Amino acid sequence: MALARSLAVDPDLLLLDEPFSALDPLMRGELRRQLRETQQTFGFAMMLVTHDVDDALDLAVRVIVMASEPGRIVAEYDIPREMDDETRAQLRARLLDALEPEPYLHALGA
């Protein structure tokens, strides 16, 4: 419902803070798919804050990993729109390594 209200004003940028955090894995995957399709249909940019590497890999074209104290960029990755399983696994491992011990993912979807 909140997404529908946000889209009603035809935004250029949609800001999402842990949008799938309270959902089970199956529902997360379905809503990621729907959000990606909605973004492609309406053409808005997204900025997503998440701790979930799969959210970032499924929705982002660029991922910025940030540490909280002091606030700083730890790593940046460009995410290919299409990737095979091996590439996805490698990127997933690199993101997980960069998240140790507590940084946050800031995923940018265009």
PDB file of N, CA and C in Angstrom:
ATOM      1  N   MET A   1       0.822  -1.192   0.000  1.00  0.00           N
ATOM      2  CA  MET A   1       0.000   0.000   0.000  1.00  0.00           C
ATOM      3  C   MET A   1       0.864   1.253   0.000  1.00  0.00           C
ATOM      4  N   ALA A   2       1.917   1.279   0.819  1.00  0.00           N
ATOM      5  CA  ALA A   2       2.800   2.442   0.865  1.00  0.00           C
ATOM      6  C   ALA A   2       3.482   2.664  -0.483  1.00  0.00           C
ATOM      7  N   LEU A   3       3.842   1.578  -1.149  1.00  0.00           N
ATOM      8  CA  LEU A   3       4.464   1.703  -2.469  1.00  0.00           C
ATOM      9  C   LEU A   3       3.492   2.341  -3.458  1.00  0.00           C
ATOM     10  N   ALA A   4       2.245   1.925  -3.427  1.00  0.00           N
ATOM     11  CA  ALA A   4       1.236   2.500  -4.324  1.00  0.00           C
ATOM     12  C   ALA A   4       1.069   3.996  -4.064  1.00  0.00           C
ATOM     13  N   ARG A   5       1.049   4.403  -2.804  1.00  0.00           N
ATOM     14  CA  ARG A   5       0.937   5.830  -2.481  1.00  0.00           C
ATOM     15  C   ARG A   5       2.152   6.590  -2.992  1.00  0.00           C
ATOM     16  N   SER A   6       3.319   5.993  -2.843  1.00  0.00           N
ATOM     17  CA  SER A   6       4.549   6.643  -3.309  1.00  0.00           C
ATOM     18  C   SER A   6       4.557   6.799  -4.817  1.00  0.00           C
ATOM     19  N   LEU A   7       4.082   5.798  -5.527  1.00  0.00           N
ATOM     20  CA  LEU A   7       4.079   5.836  -6.990  1.00  0.00           C
ATOM     21  C   LEU A   7       3.000   6.758  -7.547  1.00  0.00           C
ATOM     22  N   ALA A   8       1.975   7.054  -6.755  1.00  0.00           N
ATOM     23  CA  ALA A   8       0.867   7.894  -7.220  1.00  0.00           C
ATOM     24  C   ALA A   8       1.330   9.301  -7.586  1.00  0.00           C
ATOM     25  N   VAL A   9       2.432   9.758  -7.006  1.00  0.00           N
ATOM     26  CA  VAL A   9       2.921  11.110  -7.283  1.00  0.00           C
ATOM     27  C   VAL A   9       3.986  11.118  -8.381  1.00  0.00           C
ATOM     28  N   ASP A  10       4.180   9.975  -9.046  1.00  0.00           N
ATOM     29  CA  ASP A  10       5.128   9.837 -10.162  1.00  0.00           C
ATOM     30  C   ASP A  10       6.529  10.318  -9.778  1.00  0.00           C
ATOM     31  N   PRO A  11       7.156   9.653  -8.800  1.00  0.00           N
ATOM     32  CA  PRO A  11       8.463  10.120  -8.326  1.00  0.00           C
ATOM     33  C   PRO A  11       9.581   9.822  -9.320  1.00  0.00           C
ATOM     34  N   ASP A  12      10.618  10.636  -9.252  1.00  0.00           N
ATOM     35  CA  ASP A  12      11.833  10.363 -10.019  1.00  0.00           C
ATOM     36  C   ASP A  12      12.733   9.404  -9.240  1.00  0.00           C
ATOM     37  N   LEU A  13      12.630   9.454  -7.905  1.00  0.00           N
ATOM     38  CA  LEU A  13      13.472   8.654  -7.020  1.00  0.00           C
ATOM     39  C   LEU A  13      12.621   8.068  -5.909  1.00  0.00           C
ATOM     40  N   LEU A  14      12.797   6.772  -5.666  1.00  0.00           N
ATOM     41  CA  LEU A  14      12.093   6.087  -4.591  1.00  0.00           C
ATOM     42  C   LEU A  14      13.133   5.675  -3.552  1.00  0.00           C
ATOM     43  N   LEU A  15      12.957   6.118  -2.309  1.00  0.00           N
ATOM     44  CA  LEU A  15      13.858   5.778  -1.215  1.00  0.00           C
ATOM     45  C   LEU A  15      13.246   4.640  -0.417  1.00  0.00           C
ATOM     46  N   LEU A  16      14.008   3.561  -0.246  1.00  0.00           N
ATOM     47  CA  LEU A  16      13.507   2.367   0.436  1.00  0.00           C
ATOM     48  C   LEU A  16      14.475   1.988   1.564  1.00  0.00           C
ATOM     49  N   ASP A  17      13.976   1.918   2.784  1.00  0.00           N
ATOM     50  CA  ASP A  17      14.800   1.562   3.934  1.00  0.00           C
ATOM     51  C   ASP A  17      14.328   0.221   4.477  1.00  0.00           C
ATOM     52  N   GLU A  18      15.106  -0.825   4.203  1.00  0.00           N
ATOM     53  CA  GLU A  18      14.785  -2.189   4.651  1.00  0.00           C
ATOM     54  C   GLU A  18      13.335  -2.563   4.310  1.00  0.00           C
ATOM     55  N   PRO A  19      12.925  -2.434   3.042  1.00  0.00           N
ATOM     56  CA  PRO A  19      11.508  -2.643   2.702  1.00  0.00           C
ATOM     57  C   PRO A  19      11.005  -4.074   2.872  1.00  0.00           C
ATOM     58  N   PHE A  20      11.895  -5.058   2.910  1.00  0.00           N
ATOM     59  CA  PHE A  20      11.464  -6.455   2.976  1.00  0.00           C
ATOM     60  C   PHE A  20      11.856  -7.123   4.294  1.00  0.00           C
ATOM     61  N   SER A  21      12.280  -6.351   5.283  1.00  0.00           N
ATOM     62  CA  SER A  21      12.887  -6.922   6.495  1.00  0.00           C
ATOM     63  C   SER A  21      11.952  -7.825   7.297  1.00  0.00           C
ATOM     64  N   ALA A  22      10.664  -7.597   7.271  1.00  0.00           N
ATOM     65  CA  ALA A  22       9.744  -8.385   8.089  1.00  0.00           C
ATOM     66  C   ALA A  22       9.104  -9.547   7.319  1.00  0.00           C
ATOM     67  N   LEU A  23       9.631  -9.857   6.138  1.00  0.00           N
ATOM     68  CA  LEU A  23       9.002 -10.858   5.287  1.00  0.00           C
ATOM     69  C   LEU A  23       9.785 -12.159   5.264  1.00  0.00           C
ATOM     70  N   ASP A  24       9.071 -13.249   5.030  1.00  0.00           N
ATOM     71  CA  ASP A  24       9.729 -14.547   4.882  1.00  0.00           C
ATOM     72  C   ASP A  24      10.432 -14.595   3.526  1.00  0.00           C
ATOM     73  N   PRO A  25      11.396 -15.514   3.357  1.00  0.00           N
ATOM     74  CA  PRO A  25      12.204 -15.545   2.126  1.00  0.00           C
ATOM     75  C   PRO A  25      11.397 -15.667   0.835  1.00  0.00           C
ATOM     76  N   LEU A  26      10.342 -16.454   0.822  1.00  0.00           N
ATOM     77  CA  LEU A  26       9.547 -16.596  -0.407  1.00  0.00           C
ATOM     78  C   LEU A  26       8.841 -15.293  -0.773  1.00  0.00           C
ATOM     79  N   MET A  27       8.274 -14.629   0.218  1.00  0.00           N
ATOM     80  CA  MET A  27       7.587 -13.364  -0.037  1.00  0.00           C
ATOM     81  C   MET A  27       8.596 -12.281  -0.431  1.00  0.00           C
ATOM     82  N   ARG A  28       9.776 -12.293   0.181  1.00  0.00           N
ATOM     83  CA  ARG A  28      10.824 -11.331  -0.177  1.00  0.00           C
ATOM     84  C   ARG A  28      11.154 -11.436  -1.666  1.00  0.00           C
ATOM     85  N   GLY A  29      11.373 -12.666  -2.115  1.00  0.00           N
ATOM     86  CA  GLY A  29      11.724 -12.879  -3.517  1.00  0.00           C
ATOM     87  C   GLY A  29      10.635 -12.403  -4.455  1.00  0.00           C
ATOM     88  N   GLU A  30       9.401 -12.697  -4.133  1.00  0.00           N
ATOM     89  CA  GLU A  30       8.271 -12.278  -4.968  1.00  0.00           C
ATOM     90  C   GLU A  30       8.160 -10.756  -5.004  1.00  0.00           C
ATOM     91  N   LEU A  31       8.283 -10.110  -3.850  1.00  0.00           N
ATOM     92  CA  LEU A  31       8.172  -8.654  -3.827  1.00  0.00           C
ATOM     93  C   LEU A  31       9.370  -7.968  -4.481  1.00  0.00           C
ATOM     94  N   ARG A  32      10.554  -8.571  -4.405  1.00  0.00           N
ATOM     95  CA  ARG A  32      11.701  -8.028  -5.148  1.00  0.00           C
ATOM     96  C   ARG A  32      11.407  -8.059  -6.642  1.00  0.00           C
ATOM     97  N   ARG A  33      10.862  -9.174  -7.119  1.00  0.00           N
ATOM     98  CA  ARG A  33      10.526  -9.314  -8.537  1.00  0.00           C
ATOM     99  C   ARG A  33       9.498  -8.258  -8.944  1.00  0.00           C
ATOM    100  N   GLN A  34       8.457  -8.089  -8.124  1.00  0.00           N
ATOM    101  CA  GLN A  34       7.415  -7.114  -8.442  1.00  0.00           C
ATOM    102  C   GLN A  34       7.954  -5.686  -8.419  1.00  0.00           C
ATOM    103  N   LEU A  35       8.817  -5.387  -7.456  1.00  0.00           N
ATOM    104  CA  LEU A  35       9.396  -4.045  -7.382  1.00  0.00           C
ATOM    105  C   LEU A  35      10.277  -3.775  -8.600  1.00  0.00           C
ATOM    106  N   ARG A  36      11.064  -4.749  -8.997  1.00  0.00           N
ATOM    107  CA  ARG A  36      11.929  -4.596 -10.181  1.00  0.00           C
ATOM    108  C   ARG A  36      11.067  -4.340 -11.422  1.00  0.00           C
ATOM    109  N   GLU A  37       9.982  -5.101 -11.589  1.00  0.00           N
ATOM    110  CA  GLU A  37       9.087  -4.900 -12.736  1.00  0.00           C
ATOM    111  C   GLU A  37       8.425  -3.529 -12.687  1.00  0.00           C
ATOM    112  N   THR A  38       8.001  -3.108 -11.504  1.00  0.00           N
ATOM    113  CA  THR A  38       7.365  -1.803 -11.346  1.00  0.00           C
ATOM    114  C   THR A  38       8.353  -0.687 -11.678  1.00  0.00           C
ATOM    115  N   GLN A  39       9.581  -0.838 -11.224  1.00  0.00           N
ATOM    116  CA  GLN A  39      10.611   0.158 -11.500  1.00  0.00           C
ATOM    117  C   GLN A  39      10.882   0.247 -13.001  1.00  0.00           C
ATOM    118  N   GLN A  40      10.930  -0.882 -13.675  1.00  0.00           N
ATOM    119  CA  GLN A  40      11.159  -0.883 -15.119  1.00  0.00           C
ATOM    120  C   GLN A  40       9.982  -0.268 -15.869  1.00  0.00           C
ATOM    121  N   THR A  41       8.775  -0.518 -15.396  1.00  0.00           N
ATOM    122  CA  THR A  41       7.578   0.018 -16.037  1.00  0.00           C
ATOM    123  C   THR A  41       7.495   1.539 -15.892  1.00  0.00           C
ATOM    124  N   PHE A  42       7.728   2.045 -14.670  1.00  0.00           N
ATOM    125  CA  PHE A  42       7.546   3.468 -14.399  1.00  0.00           C
ATOM    126  C   PHE A  42       8.826   4.283 -14.570  1.00  0.00           C
ATOM    127  N   GLY A  43       9.990   3.634 -14.575  1.00  0.00           N
ATOM    128  CA  GLY A  43      11.242   4.312 -14.871  1.00  0.00           C
ATOM    129  C   GLY A  43      11.820   5.172 -13.766  1.00  0.00           C
ATOM    130  N   PHE A  44      11.422   4.995 -12.526  1.00  0.00           N
ATOM    131  CA  PHE A  44      12.006   5.765 -11.436  1.00  0.00           C
ATOM    132  C   PHE A  44      13.325   5.131 -10.981  1.00  0.00           C
ATOM    133  N   ALA A  45      14.175   5.939 -10.378  1.00  0.00           N
ATOM    134  CA  ALA A  45      15.403   5.433  -9.765  1.00  0.00           C
ATOM    135  C   ALA A  45      15.071   5.021  -8.321  1.00  0.00           C
ATOM    136  N   MET A  46      15.879   4.117  -7.787  1.00  0.00           N
ATOM    137  CA  MET A  46      15.672   3.663  -6.403  1.00  0.00           C
ATOM    138  C   MET A  46      16.973   3.767  -5.628  1.00  0.00           C
ATOM    139  N   MET A  47      16.840   4.072  -4.338  1.00  0.00           N
ATOM    140  CA  MET A  47      17.943   3.946  -3.404  1.00  0.00           C
ATOM    141  C   MET A  47      17.425   3.060  -2.279  1.00  0.00           C
ATOM    142  N   LEU A  48      18.106   1.951  -2.075  1.00  0.00           N
ATOM    143  CA  LEU A  48      17.651   0.919  -1.147  1.00  0.00           C
ATOM    144  C   LEU A  48      18.695   0.709  -0.072  1.00  0.00           C
ATOM    145  N   VAL A  49      18.289   0.810   1.182  1.00  0.00           N
ATOM    146  CA  VAL A  49      19.161   0.477   2.303  1.00  0.00           C
ATOM    147  C   VAL A  49      18.732  -0.901   2.789  1.00  0.00           C
ATOM    148  N   THR A  50      19.691  -1.821   2.875  1.00  0.00           N
ATOM    149  CA  THR A  50      19.358  -3.183   3.264  1.00  0.00           C
ATOM    150  C   THR A  50      20.560  -3.871   3.900  1.00  0.00           C
ATOM    151  N   HIS A  51      20.293  -4.895   4.673  1.00  0.00           N
ATOM    152  CA  HIS A  51      21.335  -5.793   5.172  1.00  0.00           C
ATOM    153  C   HIS A  51      21.336  -7.088   4.375  1.00  0.00           C
ATOM    154  N   ASP A  52      20.408  -7.231   3.458  1.00  0.00           N
ATOM    155  CA  ASP A  52      20.227  -8.464   2.703  1.00  0.00           C
ATOM    156  C   ASP A  52      20.957  -8.394   1.365  1.00  0.00           C
ATOM    157  N   VAL A  53      21.968  -9.222   1.209  1.00  0.00           N
ATOM    158  CA  VAL A  53      22.774  -9.229  -0.002  1.00  0.00           C
ATOM    159  C   VAL A  53      21.924  -9.574  -1.221  1.00  0.00           C
ATOM    160  N   ASP A  54      20.967 -10.478  -1.081  1.00  0.00           N
ATOM    161  CA  ASP A  54      20.131 -10.865  -2.217  1.00  0.00           C
ATOM    162  C   ASP A  54      19.230  -9.711  -2.661  1.00  0.00           C
ATOM    163  N   ASP A  55      18.740  -8.900  -1.724  1.00  0.00           N
ATOM    164  CA  ASP A  55      17.988  -7.707  -2.112  1.00  0.00           C
ATOM    165  C   ASP A  55      18.850  -6.829  -3.011  1.00  0.00           C
ATOM    166  N   ALA A  56      20.082  -6.610  -2.586  1.00  0.00           N
ATOM    167  CA  ALA A  56      20.992  -5.752  -3.348  1.00  0.00           C
ATOM    168  C   ALA A  56      21.305  -6.346  -4.717  1.00  0.00           C
ATOM    169  N   LEU A  57      21.610  -7.642  -4.758  1.00  0.00           N
ATOM    170  CA  LEU A  57      21.961  -8.272  -6.030  1.00  0.00           C
ATOM    171  C   LEU A  57      20.782  -8.306  -6.997  1.00  0.00           C
ATOM    172  N   ASP A  58      19.571  -8.452  -6.486  1.00  0.00           N
ATOM    173  CA  ASP A  58      18.392  -8.533  -7.350  1.00  0.00           C
ATOM    174  C   ASP A  58      17.899  -7.175  -7.832  1.00  0.00           C
ATOM    175  N   LEU A  59      18.166  -6.110  -7.081  1.00  0.00           N
ATOM    176  CA  LEU A  59      17.572  -4.817  -7.410  1.00  0.00           C
ATOM    177  C   LEU A  59      18.558  -3.749  -7.850  1.00  0.00           C
ATOM    178  N   ALA A  60      19.823  -3.920  -7.570  1.00  0.00           N
ATOM    179  CA  ALA A  60      20.773  -2.828  -7.763  1.00  0.00           C
ATOM    180  C   ALA A  60      21.546  -2.925  -9.068  1.00  0.00           C
ATOM    181  N   VAL A  61      21.977  -1.767  -9.526  1.00  0.00           N
ATOM    182  CA  VAL A  61      22.977  -1.689 -10.576  1.00  0.00           C
ATOM    183  C   VAL A  61      24.306  -1.250  -9.966  1.00  0.00           C
ATOM    184  N   ARG A  62      24.246  -0.739  -8.751  1.00  0.00           N
ATOM    185  CA  ARG A  62      25.441  -0.346  -8.012  1.00  0.00           C
ATOM    186  C   ARG A  62      25.180  -0.556  -6.531  1.00  0.00           C
ATOM    187  N   VAL A  63      26.158  -1.114  -5.824  1.00  0.00           N
ATOM    188  CA  VAL A  63      26.050  -1.337  -4.394  1.00  0.00           C
ATOM    189  C   VAL A  63      27.190  -0.614  -3.702  1.00  0.00           C
ATOM    190  N   ILE A  64      26.852   0.142  -2.671  1.00  0.00           N
ATOM    191  CA  ILE A  64      27.835   0.820  -1.840  1.00  0.00           C
ATOM    192  C   ILE A  64      27.712   0.230  -0.444  1.00  0.00           C
ATOM    193  N   VAL A  65      28.809  -0.293   0.083  1.00  0.00           N
ATOM    194  CA  VAL A  65      28.826  -0.860   1.425  1.00  0.00           C
ATOM    195  C   VAL A  65      29.390   0.216   2.350  1.00  0.00           C
ATOM    196  N   MET A  66      28.632   0.517   3.408  1.00  0.00           N
ATOM    197  CA  MET A  66      29.043   1.565   4.333  1.00  0.00           C
ATOM    198  C   MET A  66      29.222   1.020   5.739  1.00  0.00           C
ATOM    199  N   ALA A  67      30.194   1.568   6.448  1.00  0.00           N
ATOM    200  CA  ALA A  67      30.378   1.277   7.871  1.00  0.00           C
ATOM    201  C   ALA A  67      29.701   2.388   8.661  1.00  0.00           C
ATOM    202  N   SER A  68      29.269   2.068   9.865  1.00  0.00           N
ATOM    203  CA  SER A  68      28.501   3.042  10.636  1.00  0.00           C
ATOM    204  C   SER A  68      29.362   3.989  11.465  1.00  0.00           C
ATOM    205  N   GLU A  69      30.443   3.529  12.043  1.00  0.00           N
ATOM    206  CA  GLU A  69      31.225   4.400  12.922  1.00  0.00           C
ATOM    207  C   GLU A  69      32.699   4.303  12.599  1.00  0.00           C
ATOM    208  N   PRO A  70      33.296   5.316  12.100  1.00  0.00           N
ATOM    209  CA  PRO A  70      32.615   6.503  11.565  1.00  0.00           C
ATOM    210  C   PRO A  70      31.985   6.171  10.225  1.00  0.00           C
ATOM    211  N   GLY A  71      30.965   6.917   9.848  1.00  0.00           N
ATOM    212  CA  GLY A  71      30.295   6.678   8.573  1.00  0.00           C
ATOM    213  C   GLY A  71      31.273   6.818   7.418  1.00  0.00           C
ATOM    214  N   ARG A  72      31.468   5.737   6.691  1.00  0.00           N
ATOM    215  CA  ARG A  72      32.413   5.770   5.575  1.00  0.00           C
ATOM    216  C   ARG A  72      32.060   4.674   4.580  1.00  0.00           C
ATOM    217  N   ILE A  73      32.480   4.862   3.344  1.00  0.00           N
ATOM    218  CA  ILE A  73      32.293   3.847   2.309  1.00  0.00           C
ATOM    219  C   ILE A  73      33.391   2.807   2.456  1.00  0.00           C
ATOM    220  N   VAL A  74      32.993   1.547   2.548  1.00  0.00           N
ATOM    221  CA  VAL A  74      33.919   0.431   2.697  1.00  0.00           C
ATOM    222  C   VAL A  74      34.232  -0.190   1.340  1.00  0.00           C
ATOM    223  N   ALA A  75      33.220  -0.264   0.473  1.00  0.00           N
ATOM    224  CA  ALA A  75      33.396  -0.895  -0.839  1.00  0.00           C
ATOM    225  C   ALA A  75      32.281  -0.418  -1.767  1.00  0.00           C
ATOM    226  N   GLU A  76      32.559  -0.495  -3.069  1.00  0.00           N
ATOM    227  CA  GLU A  76      31.561  -0.183  -4.098  1.00  0.00           C
ATOM    228  C   GLU A  76      31.638  -1.244  -5.186  1.00  0.00           C
ATOM    229  N   TYR A  77      30.479  -1.646  -5.682  1.00  0.00           N
ATOM    230  CA  TYR A  77      30.411  -2.672  -6.724  1.00  0.00           C
ATOM    231  C   TYR A  77      29.370  -2.284  -7.759  1.00  0.00           C
ATOM    232  N   ASP A  78      29.718  -2.437  -9.019  1.00  0.00           N
ATOM    233  CA  ASP A  78      28.734  -2.344 -10.093  1.00  0.00           C
ATOM    234  C   ASP A  78      28.149  -3.737 -10.267  1.00  0.00           C
ATOM    235  N   ILE A  79      26.828  -3.815 -10.365  1.00  0.00           N
ATOM    236  CA  ILE A  79      26.132  -5.096 -10.457  1.00  0.00           C
ATOM    237  C   ILE A  79      25.582  -5.248 -11.869  1.00  0.00           C
ATOM    238  N   PRO A  80      26.014  -6.279 -12.591  1.00  0.00           N
ATOM    239  CA  PRO A  80      25.474  -6.479 -13.941  1.00  0.00           C
ATOM    240  C   PRO A  80      23.989  -6.843 -13.894  1.00  0.00           C
ATOM    241  N   ARG A  81      23.243  -6.343 -14.847  1.00  0.00           N
ATOM    242  CA  ARG A  81      21.809  -6.668 -14.926  1.00  0.00           C
ATOM    243  C   ARG A  81      21.593  -8.161 -15.138  1.00  0.00           C
ATOM    244  N   GLU A  82      22.391  -8.746 -15.979  1.00  0.00           N
ATOM    245  CA  GLU A  82      22.312 -10.179 -16.248  1.00  0.00           C
ATOM    246  C   GLU A  82      23.617 -10.809 -15.759  1.00  0.00           C
ATOM    247  N   MET A  83      23.509 -11.888 -14.984  1.00  0.00           N
ATOM    248  CA  MET A  83      24.716 -12.568 -14.532  1.00  0.00           C
ATOM    249  C   MET A  83      24.435 -14.050 -14.368  1.00  0.00           C
ATOM    250  N   ASP A  84      25.457 -14.843 -14.633  1.00  0.00           N
ATOM    251  CA  ASP A  84      25.322 -16.281 -14.441  1.00  0.00           C
ATOM    252  C   ASP A  84      25.489 -16.617 -12.960  1.00  0.00           C
ATOM    253  N   ASP A  85      25.242 -17.874 -12.611  1.00  0.00           N
ATOM    254  CA  ASP A  85      25.293 -18.293 -11.212  1.00  0.00           C
ATOM    255  C   ASP A  85      26.671 -18.090 -10.591  1.00  0.00           C
ATOM    256  N   GLU A  86      27.713 -18.331 -11.377  1.00  0.00           N
ATOM    257  CA  GLU A  86      29.073 -18.185 -10.845  1.00  0.00           C
ATOM    258  C   GLU A  86      29.386 -16.725 -10.514  1.00  0.00           C
ATOM    259  N   THR A  87      29.015 -15.819 -11.409  1.00  0.00           N
ATOM    260  CA  THR A  87      29.242 -14.397 -11.168  1.00  0.00           C
ATOM    261  C   THR A  87      28.457 -13.928  -9.954  1.00  0.00           C
ATOM    262  N   ARG A  88      27.192 -14.370  -9.874  1.00  0.00           N
ATOM    263  CA  ARG A  88      26.367 -13.997  -8.719  1.00  0.00           C
ATOM    264  C   ARG A  88      26.987 -14.510  -7.428  1.00  0.00           C
ATOM    265  N   ALA A  89      27.448 -15.737  -7.413  1.00  0.00           N
ATOM    266  CA  ALA A  89      28.056 -16.309  -6.209  1.00  0.00           C
ATOM    267  C   ALA A  89      29.314 -15.535  -5.812  1.00  0.00           C
ATOM    268  N   GLN A  90      30.116 -15.154  -6.800  1.00  0.00           N
ATOM    269  CA  GLN A  90      31.334 -14.384  -6.516  1.00  0.00           C
ATOM    270  C   GLN A  90      30.998 -13.011  -5.941  1.00  0.00           C
ATOM    271  N   LEU A  91      30.033 -12.322  -6.548  1.00  0.00           N
ATOM    272  CA  LEU A  91      29.622 -11.012  -6.034  1.00  0.00           C
ATOM    273  C   LEU A  91      29.017 -11.130  -4.648  1.00  0.00           C
ATOM    274  N   ARG A  92      28.211 -12.170  -4.450  1.00  0.00           N
ATOM    275  CA  ARG A  92      27.592 -12.391  -3.136  1.00  0.00           C
ATOM    276  C   ARG A  92      28.669 -12.572  -2.073  1.00  0.00           C
ATOM    277  N   ALA A  93      29.688 -13.377  -2.373  1.00  0.00           N
ATOM    278  CA  ALA A  93      30.773 -13.619  -1.421  1.00  0.00           C
ATOM    279  C   ALA A  93      31.542 -12.327  -1.132  1.00  0.00           C
ATOM    280  N   ARG A  94      31.789 -11.529  -2.170  1.00  0.00           N
ATOM    281  CA  ARG A  94      32.505 -10.265  -1.978  1.00  0.00           C
ATOM    282  C   ARG A  94      31.702  -9.300  -1.120  1.00  0.00           C
ATOM    283  N   LEU A  95      30.387  -9.247  -1.346  1.00  0.00           N
ATOM    284  CA  LEU A  95      29.542  -8.374  -0.529  1.00  0.00           C
ATOM    285  C   LEU A  95      29.503  -8.844   0.924  1.00  0.00           C
ATOM    286  N   LEU A  96      29.379 -10.132   1.127  1.00  0.00           N
ATOM    287  CA  LEU A  96      29.368 -10.659   2.495  1.00  0.00           C
ATOM    288  C   LEU A  96      30.682 -10.372   3.209  1.00  0.00           C
ATOM    289  N   ASP A  97      31.793 -10.507   2.508  1.00  0.00           N
ATOM    290  CA  ASP A  97      33.092 -10.179   3.100  1.00  0.00           C
ATOM    291  C   ASP A  97      33.155  -8.702   3.488  1.00  0.00           C
ATOM    292  N   ALA A  98      32.644  -7.836   2.615  1.00  0.00           N
ATOM    293  CA  ALA A  98      32.682  -6.399   2.878  1.00  0.00           C
ATOM    294  C   ALA A  98      31.776  -6.010   4.039  1.00  0.00           C
ATOM    295  N   LEU A  99      30.767  -6.820   4.331  1.00  0.00           N
ATOM    296  CA  LEU A  99      29.829  -6.509   5.406  1.00  0.00           C
ATOM    297  C   LEU A  99      30.354  -6.847   6.795  1.00  0.00           C
ATOM    298  N   GLU A 100      31.474  -7.509   6.889  1.00  0.00           N
ATOM    299  CA  GLU A 100      32.017  -7.851   8.194  1.00  0.00           C
ATOM    300  C   GLU A 100      32.663  -6.636   8.832  1.00  0.00           C
ATOM    301  N   PRO A 101      32.420  -6.338  10.096  1.00  0.00           N
ATOM    302  CA  PRO A 101      31.467  -6.986  10.969  1.00  0.00           C
ATOM    303  C   PRO A 101      30.066  -6.396  10.916  1.00  0.00           C
ATOM    304  N   GLU A 102      29.883  -5.111  10.496  1.00  0.00           N
ATOM    305  CA  GLU A 102      28.556  -4.527  10.591  1.00  0.00           C
ATOM    306  C   GLU A 102      28.145  -3.511   9.538  1.00  0.00           C
ATOM    307  N   PRO A 103      28.876  -3.302   8.475  1.00  0.00           N
ATOM    308  CA  PRO A 103      28.461  -2.263   7.530  1.00  0.00           C
ATOM    309  C   PRO A 103      27.100  -2.524   6.896  1.00  0.00           C
ATOM    310  N   TYR A 104      26.552  -1.489   6.293  1.00  0.00           N
ATOM    311  CA  TYR A 104      25.237  -1.523   5.659  1.00  0.00           C
ATOM    312  C   TYR A 104      25.394  -1.463   4.157  1.00  0.00           C
ATOM    313  N   LEU A 105      24.458  -2.074   3.443  1.00  0.00           N
ATOM    314  CA  LEU A 105      24.423  -2.004   1.980  1.00  0.00           C
ATOM    315  C   LEU A 105      23.515  -0.860   1.557  1.00  0.00           C
ATOM    316  N   HIS A 106      24.000  -0.049   0.668  1.00  0.00           N
ATOM    317  CA  HIS A 106      23.194   0.984   0.045  1.00  0.00           C
ATOM    318  C   HIS A 106      23.158   0.644  -1.437  1.00  0.00           C
ATOM    319  N   ALA A 107      22.037   0.186  -1.895  1.00  0.00           N
ATOM    320  CA  ALA A 107      21.919  -0.300  -3.263  1.00  0.00           C
ATOM    321  C   ALA A 107      21.228   0.760  -4.117  1.00  0.00           C
ATOM    322  N   LEU A 108      21.815   1.039  -5.240  1.00  0.00           N
ATOM    323  CA  LEU A 108      21.266   2.032  -6.146  1.00  0.00           C
ATOM    324  C   LEU A 108      20.762   1.334  -7.383  1.00  0.00           C
ATOM    325  N   GLY A 109      19.464   1.464  -7.622  1.00  0.00           N
ATOM    326  CA  GLY A 109      18.863   0.867  -8.806  1.00  0.00           C
ATOM    327  C   GLY A 109      18.483   1.949  -9.782  1.00  0.00           C
ATOM    328  N   ALA A 110      18.860   1.785 -11.007  1.00  0.00           N
ATOM    329  CA  ALA A 110      18.532   2.832 -11.995  1.00  0.00           C
ATOM    330  C   ALA A 110      17.498   2.323 -12.963  1.00  0.00           C
TER     331      ALA A 110
END
